[in-house]
PDB file of N, CA and C in Angstrom:
ATOM      1  N   MET A   1     168.806 -31.321 218.077  1.00  0.00           N
ATOM      2  CA  MET A   1     169.951 -31.117 217.898  1.00  0.00           C
ATOM      3  C   MET A   1     170.345 -31.172 216.480  1.00  0.00           C
ATOM      4  N   ALA A   2     171.347 -30.343 215.943  1.00  0.00           N
ATOM      5  CA  ALA A   2     171.329 -29.665 214.707  1.00  0.00           C
ATOM      6  C   ALA A   2     172.541 -31.476 214.099  1.00  0.00           C
ATOM      7  N   VAL A   3     172.005 -31.924 213.122  1.00  0.00           N
ATOM      8  CA  VAL A   3     172.832 -33.285 212.514  1.00  0.00           C
ATOM      9  C   VAL A   3     172.929 -32.828 210.791  1.00  0.00           C
ATOM     10  N   PRO A   4     174.325 -32.935 210.374  1.00  0.00           N
ATOM     11  CA  PRO A   4     174.421 -32.627 209.344  1.00  0.00           C
ATOM     12  C   PRO A   4     173.936 -33.319 208.008  1.00  0.00           C
ATOM     13  N   LYS A   5     173.548 -32.826 207.003  1.00  0.00           N
ATOM     14  CA  LYS A   5     172.296 -33.821 206.250  1.00  0.00           C
ATOM     15  C   LYS A   5     173.658 -34.332 204.924  1.00  0.00           C
ATOM     16  N   ARG A   6     174.656 -33.791 205.099  1.00  0.00           N
ATOM     17  CA  ARG A   6     175.657 -34.571 203.883  1.00  0.00           C
ATOM     18  C   ARG A   6     176.840 -34.758 204.667  1.00  0.00           C
ATOM     19  N   LYS A   7     178.216 -35.684 204.124  1.00  0.00           N
ATOM     20  CA  LYS A   7     179.477 -35.941 204.605  1.00  0.00           C
ATOM     21  C   LYS A   7     180.449 -35.001 204.481  1.00  0.00           C
ATOM     22  N   ILE A   8     181.023 -34.418 205.354  1.00  0.00           N
ATOM     23  CA  ILE A   8     181.618 -33.169 204.902  1.00  0.00           C
ATOM     24  C   ILE A   8     183.065 -34.096 203.830  1.00  0.00           C
ATOM     25  N   SER A   9     183.589 -33.562 203.115  1.00  0.00           N
ATOM     26  CA  SER A   9     184.589 -34.178 202.352  1.00  0.00           C
ATOM     27  C   SER A   9     185.874 -34.267 203.248  1.00  0.00           C
ATOM     28  N   LYS A  10     187.062 -34.918 202.766  1.00  0.00           N
ATOM     29  CA  LYS A  10     188.133 -34.670 203.655  1.00  0.00           C
ATOM     30  C   LYS A  10     188.973 -33.548 203.279  1.00  0.00           C
ATOM     31  N   GLN A  11     188.327 -33.050 201.829  1.00  0.00           N
ATOM     32  CA  GLN A  11     189.392 -31.435 201.016  1.00  0.00           C
ATOM     33  C   GLN A  11     188.801 -30.586 201.732  1.00  0.00           C
ATOM     34  N   ARG A  12     187.822 -30.695 202.046  1.00  0.00           N
ATOM     35  CA  ARG A  12     187.100 -29.327 202.836  1.00  0.00           C
ATOM     36  C   ARG A  12     187.544 -29.244 204.444  1.00  0.00           C
ATOM     37  N   GLY A  13     187.371 -30.524 204.994  1.00  0.00           N
ATOM     38  CA  GLY A  13     187.978 -30.248 206.249  1.00  0.00           C
ATOM     39  C   GLY A  13     189.468 -29.975 206.415  1.00  0.00           C
ATOM     40  N   ARG A  14     190.280 -30.304 205.715  1.00  0.00           N
ATOM     41  CA  ARG A  14     191.352 -30.361 205.506  1.00  0.00           C
ATOM     42  C   ARG A  14     191.824 -28.628 204.761  1.00  0.00           C
ATOM     43  N   LYS A  15     190.785 -28.133 203.899  1.00  0.00           N
ATOM     44  CA  LYS A  15     191.371 -26.837 203.859  1.00  0.00           C
ATOM     45  C   LYS A  15     190.725 -25.782 204.898  1.00  0.00           C
ATOM     46  N   ARG A  16     190.157 -26.060 205.754  1.00  0.00           N
ATOM     47  CA  ARG A  16     189.612 -25.314 206.689  1.00  0.00           C
ATOM     48  C   ARG A  16     190.738 -25.039 208.110  1.00  0.00           C
ATOM     49  N   ARG A  17     192.028 -26.655 207.954  1.00  0.00           N
ATOM     50  CA  ARG A  17     192.633 -26.616 208.842  1.00  0.00           C
ATOM     51  C   ARG A  17     194.247 -26.420 208.305  1.00  0.00           C
ATOM     52  N   THR A  18     194.123 -25.625 207.175  1.00  0.00           N
ATOM     53  CA  THR A  18     195.106 -25.072 206.838  1.00  0.00           C
ATOM     54  C   THR A  18     196.058 -24.133 207.254  1.00  0.00           C
ATOM     55  N   HIS A  19     195.420 -23.624 208.171  1.00  0.00           N
ATOM     56  CA  HIS A  19     196.294 -22.133 209.153  1.00  0.00           C
ATOM     57  C   HIS A  19     196.369 -22.926 210.538  1.00  0.00           C
ATOM     58  N   TRP A  20     196.301 -23.961 210.865  1.00  0.00           N
ATOM     59  CA  TRP A  20     196.539 -24.631 212.224  1.00  0.00           C
ATOM     60  C   TRP A  20     198.303 -24.867 212.006  1.00  0.00           C
ATOM     61  N   LYS A  21     198.911 -23.745 212.451  1.00  0.00           N
ATOM     62  CA  LYS A  21     200.196 -24.288 211.945  1.00  0.00           C
ATOM     63  C   LYS A  21     200.908 -24.191 213.664  1.00  0.00           C
ATOM     64  N   ALA A  22     202.192 -24.760 213.842  1.00  0.00           N
ATOM     65  CA  ALA A  22     202.711 -24.529 214.827  1.00  0.00           C
ATOM     66  C   ALA A  22     203.664 -23.463 214.934  1.00  0.00           C
ATOM     67  N   THR A  23     203.879 -22.558 215.783  1.00  0.00           N
ATOM     68  CA  THR A  23     204.675 -21.384 215.802  1.00  0.00           C
ATOM     69  C   THR A  23     206.140 -22.071 216.635  1.00  0.00           C
ATOM     70  N   THR A  24     207.218 -21.576 215.808  1.00  0.00           N
ATOM     71  CA  THR A  24     208.709 -21.492 216.653  1.00  0.00           C
ATOM     72  C   THR A  24     208.729 -20.681 217.989  1.00  0.00           C
ATOM     73  N   PRO A  25     208.931 -21.210 219.079  1.00  0.00           N
ATOM     74  CA  PRO A  25     209.355 -20.554 220.107  1.00  0.00           C
ATOM     75  C   PRO A  25     210.145 -19.390 220.088  1.00  0.00           C
ATOM     76  N   GLN A  26     209.658 -18.349 220.536  1.00  0.00           N
ATOM     77  CA  GLN A  26     210.934 -17.080 220.336  1.00  0.00           C
ATOM     78  C   GLN A  26     212.005 -17.039 221.478  1.00  0.00           C
ATOM     79  N   VAL A  27     213.074 -17.000 221.162  1.00  0.00           N
ATOM     80  CA  VAL A  27     214.413 -17.402 221.883  1.00  0.00           C
ATOM     81  C   VAL A  27     215.080 -15.612 221.931  1.00  0.00           C
ATOM     82  N   SER A  28     215.530 -15.938 223.492  1.00  0.00           N
ATOM     83  CA  SER A  28     216.101 -14.064 223.219  1.00  0.00           C
ATOM     84  C   SER A  28     217.673 -14.532 224.150  1.00  0.00           C
ATOM     85  N   VAL A  29     218.440 -13.898 224.548  1.00  0.00           N
ATOM     86  CA  VAL A  29     219.520 -13.920 224.969  1.00  0.00           C
ATOM     87  C   VAL A  29     219.606 -13.318 226.207  1.00  0.00           C
ATOM     88  N   CYS A  30     220.840 -14.158 227.205  1.00  0.00           N
ATOM     89  CA  CYS A  30     220.693 -13.620 228.336  1.00  0.00           C
ATOM     90  C   CYS A  30     221.388 -12.919 228.357  1.00  0.00           C
ATOM     91  N   PRO A  31     221.336 -11.695 229.185  1.00  0.00           N
ATOM     92  CA  PRO A  31     222.131 -10.568 229.352  1.00  0.00           C
ATOM     93  C   PRO A  31     223.229 -10.794 230.179  1.00  0.00           C
ATOM     94  N   GLN A  32     223.640 -11.933 231.054  1.00  0.00           N
ATOM     95  CA  GLN A  32     224.407 -12.336 231.999  1.00  0.00           C
ATOM     96  C   GLN A  32     225.409 -13.063 231.324  1.00  0.00           C
ATOM     97  N   CYS A  33     224.884 -13.964 230.895  1.00  0.00           N
ATOM     98  CA  CYS A  33     225.766 -15.132 229.854  1.00  0.00           C
ATOM     99  C   CYS A  33     225.996 -15.267 228.687  1.00  0.00           C
ATOM    100  N   ASN A  34     224.941 -14.648 227.824  1.00  0.00           N
ATOM    101  CA  ASN A  34     225.044 -14.136 226.701  1.00  0.00           C
ATOM    102  C   ASN A  34     224.629 -15.554 225.623  1.00  0.00           C
ATOM    103  N   SER A  35     223.923 -16.666 226.716  1.00  0.00           N
ATOM    104  CA  SER A  35     223.308 -17.826 226.288  1.00  0.00           C
ATOM    105  C   SER A  35     221.858 -17.741 225.782  1.00  0.00           C
ATOM    106  N   PRO A  36     221.368 -18.676 224.850  1.00  0.00           N
ATOM    107  CA  PRO A  36     220.076 -18.556 224.577  1.00  0.00           C
ATOM    108  C   PRO A  36     219.061 -18.902 225.485  1.00  0.00           C
ATOM    109  N   LYS A  37     217.756 -18.325 225.451  1.00  0.00           N
ATOM    110  CA  LYS A  37     216.711 -18.656 226.560  1.00  0.00           C
ATOM    111  C   LYS A  37     215.338 -18.411 226.157  1.00  0.00           C
ATOM    112  N   LEU A  38     214.369 -18.959 227.061  1.00  0.00           N
ATOM    113  CA  LEU A  38     213.065 -18.294 226.360  1.00  0.00           C
ATOM    114  C   LEU A  38     212.804 -17.245 227.207  1.00  0.00           C
ATOM    115  N   PRO A  39     212.150 -16.492 226.532  1.00  0.00           N
ATOM    116  CA  PRO A  39     211.627 -14.893 227.197  1.00  0.00           C
ATOM    117  C   PRO A  39     210.745 -14.931 228.584  1.00  0.00           C
ATOM    118  N   TYR A  40     210.916 -13.777 229.625  1.00  0.00           N
ATOM    119  CA  TYR A  40     210.351 -14.265 231.137  1.00  0.00           C
ATOM    120  C   TYR A  40     210.200 -15.830 231.605  1.00  0.00           C
ATOM    121  N   ARG A  41     211.700 -16.406 231.484  1.00  0.00           N
ATOM    122  CA  ARG A  41     211.636 -17.553 232.399  1.00  0.00           C
ATOM    123  C   ARG A  41     213.605 -17.299 232.564  1.00  0.00           C
ATOM    124  N   ALA A  42     213.542 -18.093 233.627  1.00  0.00           N
ATOM    125  CA  ALA A  42     215.305 -17.816 234.440  1.00  0.00           C
ATOM    126  C   ALA A  42     216.100 -18.800 233.124  1.00  0.00           C
ATOM    127  N   CYS A  43     217.638 -18.264 233.090  1.00  0.00           N
ATOM    128  CA  CYS A  43     218.367 -18.590 232.465  1.00  0.00           C
ATOM    129  C   CYS A  43     218.630 -20.202 232.819  1.00  0.00           C
ATOM    130  N   PRO A  44     218.704 -21.099 231.780  1.00  0.00           N
ATOM    131  CA  PRO A  44     219.171 -22.325 232.535  1.00  0.00           C
ATOM    132  C   PRO A  44     220.467 -22.616 232.762  1.00  0.00           C
ATOM    133  N   SER A  45     221.223 -21.973 232.001  1.00  0.00           N
ATOM    134  CA  SER A  45     222.698 -22.162 231.993  1.00  0.00           C
ATOM    135  C   SER A  45     223.105 -21.177 233.361  1.00  0.00           C
ATOM    136  N   CYS A  46     222.963 -20.115 233.614  1.00  0.00           N
ATOM    137  CA  CYS A  46     223.525 -19.488 234.864  1.00  0.00           C
ATOM    138  C   CYS A  46     222.684 -19.130 235.902  1.00  0.00           C
ATOM    139  N   GLY A  47     221.491 -19.160 235.977  1.00  0.00           N
ATOM    140  CA  GLY A  47     220.232 -19.344 236.658  1.00  0.00           C
ATOM    141  C   GLY A  47     219.780 -17.498 237.414  1.00  0.00           C
ATOM    142  N   TYR A  48     220.021 -16.848 236.277  1.00  0.00           N
ATOM    143  CA  TYR A  48     219.533 -15.238 236.761  1.00  0.00           C
ATOM    144  C   TYR A  48     218.317 -15.077 235.756  1.00  0.00           C
ATOM    145  N   TYR A  49     217.391 -14.682 236.473  1.00  0.00           N
ATOM    146  CA  TYR A  49     216.218 -13.778 235.817  1.00  0.00           C
ATOM    147  C   TYR A  49     216.179 -12.142 236.207  1.00  0.00           C
ATOM    148  N   LYS A  50     216.527 -11.345 235.489  1.00  0.00           N
ATOM    149  CA  LYS A  50     215.967  -9.988 236.020  1.00  0.00           C
ATOM    150  C   LYS A  50     217.357  -9.521 236.311  1.00  0.00           C
ATOM    151  N   ASP A  51     218.325 -10.127 236.202  1.00  0.00           N
ATOM    152  CA  ASP A  51     219.954  -9.440 236.543  1.00  0.00           C
ATOM    153  C   ASP A  51     219.950  -9.834 238.316  1.00  0.00           C
ATOM    154  N   ARG A  52     218.861 -10.709 238.617  1.00  0.00           N
ATOM    155  CA  ARG A  52     219.035 -11.537 239.783  1.00  0.00           C
ATOM    156  C   ARG A  52     219.549 -13.359 239.810  1.00  0.00           C
ATOM    157  N   PRO A  53     220.230 -13.574 240.250  1.00  0.00           N
ATOM    158  CA  PRO A  53     220.232 -15.014 240.672  1.00  0.00           C
ATOM    159  C   PRO A  53     218.630 -15.590 241.321  1.00  0.00           C
ATOM    160  N   VAL A  54     218.004 -16.604 240.901  1.00  0.00           N
ATOM    161  CA  VAL A  54     216.962 -17.097 241.224  1.00  0.00           C
ATOM    162  C   VAL A  54     217.007 -19.047 241.416  1.00  0.00           C
ATOM    163  N   ILE A  55     217.774 -19.246 240.483  1.00  0.00           N
ATOM    164  CA  ILE A  55     217.755 -20.700 240.652  1.00  0.00           C
ATOM    165  C   ILE A  55     219.299 -20.939 241.046  1.00  0.00           C
ATOM    166  N   SER A  56     219.891 -21.950 241.208  1.00  0.00           N
ATOM    167  CA  SER A  56     221.081 -22.520 241.320  1.00  0.00           C
ATOM    168  C   SER A  56     221.349 -23.086 239.904  1.00  0.00           C
ATOM    169  N   ALA A  57     222.269 -22.673 239.174  1.00  0.00           N
ATOM    170  CA  ALA A  57     223.042 -23.101 238.108  1.00  0.00           C
ATOM    171  C   ALA A  57     223.334 -24.693 237.943  1.00  0.00           C
ATOM    172  N   LYS A  58     222.899 -25.114 236.604  1.00  0.00           N
ATOM    173  CA  LYS A  58     223.326 -26.631 236.462  1.00  0.00           C
ATOM    174  C   LYS A  58     224.871 -26.573 236.254  1.00  0.00           C
ATOM    175  N   GLY A  59     225.496 -27.346 236.939  1.00  0.00           N
ATOM    176  CA  GLY A  59     226.972 -28.110 237.141  1.00  0.00           C
ATOM    177  C   GLY A  59     227.745 -26.999 237.454  1.00  0.00           C
ATOM    178  N   ILE A  60     227.417 -26.083 238.345  1.00  0.00           N
ATOM    179  CA  ILE A  60     228.338 -25.457 238.770  1.00  0.00           C
ATOM    180  C   ILE A  60     228.529 -25.488 240.257  1.00  0.00           C
TER     181      ILE A  60
END
């Protein structure tokens, strides 16, 4: 099994991880009620997905 011959410094490890960034979720607009929603998911406010009601809406 390969074993490192020398200690890897903190700076070297941190340099390697500089591109590990969290991406913001893309938000689309519901065509039915114009509220923001995540793509490819049912709208949480009206319950529509692809112009069809698929879940009962909250608070209605």
